Amino acid sequence: EPGANMRHIRKPNPKPIEI
């Protein structure tokens, strides 16, 4: 799941993005 992978990705975001 691309969405699940994005929220587990390491980024300088304050909070993960859930699509």
C-alpha atoms as a PDB file:
ATOM      1  CA  GLU A   1       0.000   0.000   0.000  1.00  0.00           C
ATOM      2  CA  PRO A   2       1.581   3.285  -1.146  1.00  0.00           C
ATOM      3  CA  GLY A   3      -0.384   5.271   1.427  1.00  0.00           C
ATOM      4  CA  ALA A   4       0.773   3.096   4.330  1.00  0.00           C
ATOM      5  CA  ASN A   5       4.344   3.377   3.059  1.00  0.00           C
ATOM      6  CA  MET A   6       4.172   7.178   2.950  1.00  0.00           C
ATOM      7  CA  ARG A   7       3.111   7.487   6.596  1.00  0.00           C
ATOM      8  CA  HIS A   8       6.027   5.205   7.523  1.00  0.00           C
ATOM      9  CA  ILE A   9       8.485   7.170   5.382  1.00  0.00           C
ATOM     10  CA  ARG A  10      11.043   9.378   7.142  1.00  0.00           C
ATOM     11  CA  LYS A  11      10.358  13.029   6.357  1.00  0.00           C
ATOM     12  CA  PRO A  12      10.777  16.350   8.181  1.00  0.00           C
ATOM     13  CA  ASN A  13       6.989  16.588   8.473  1.00  0.00           C
ATOM     14  CA  PRO A  14       5.381  17.449  11.836  1.00  0.00           C
ATOM     15  CA  LYS A  15       2.932  14.599  11.308  1.00  0.00           C
ATOM     16  CA  PRO A  16       2.516  11.777   8.741  1.00  0.00           C
ATOM     17  CA  ILE A  17       0.163  12.241   5.800  1.00  0.00           C
ATOM     18  CA  GLU A  18      -2.735   9.783   5.581  1.00  0.00           C
ATOM     19  CA  ILE A  19      -4.232   9.335   2.139  1.00  0.00           C
END
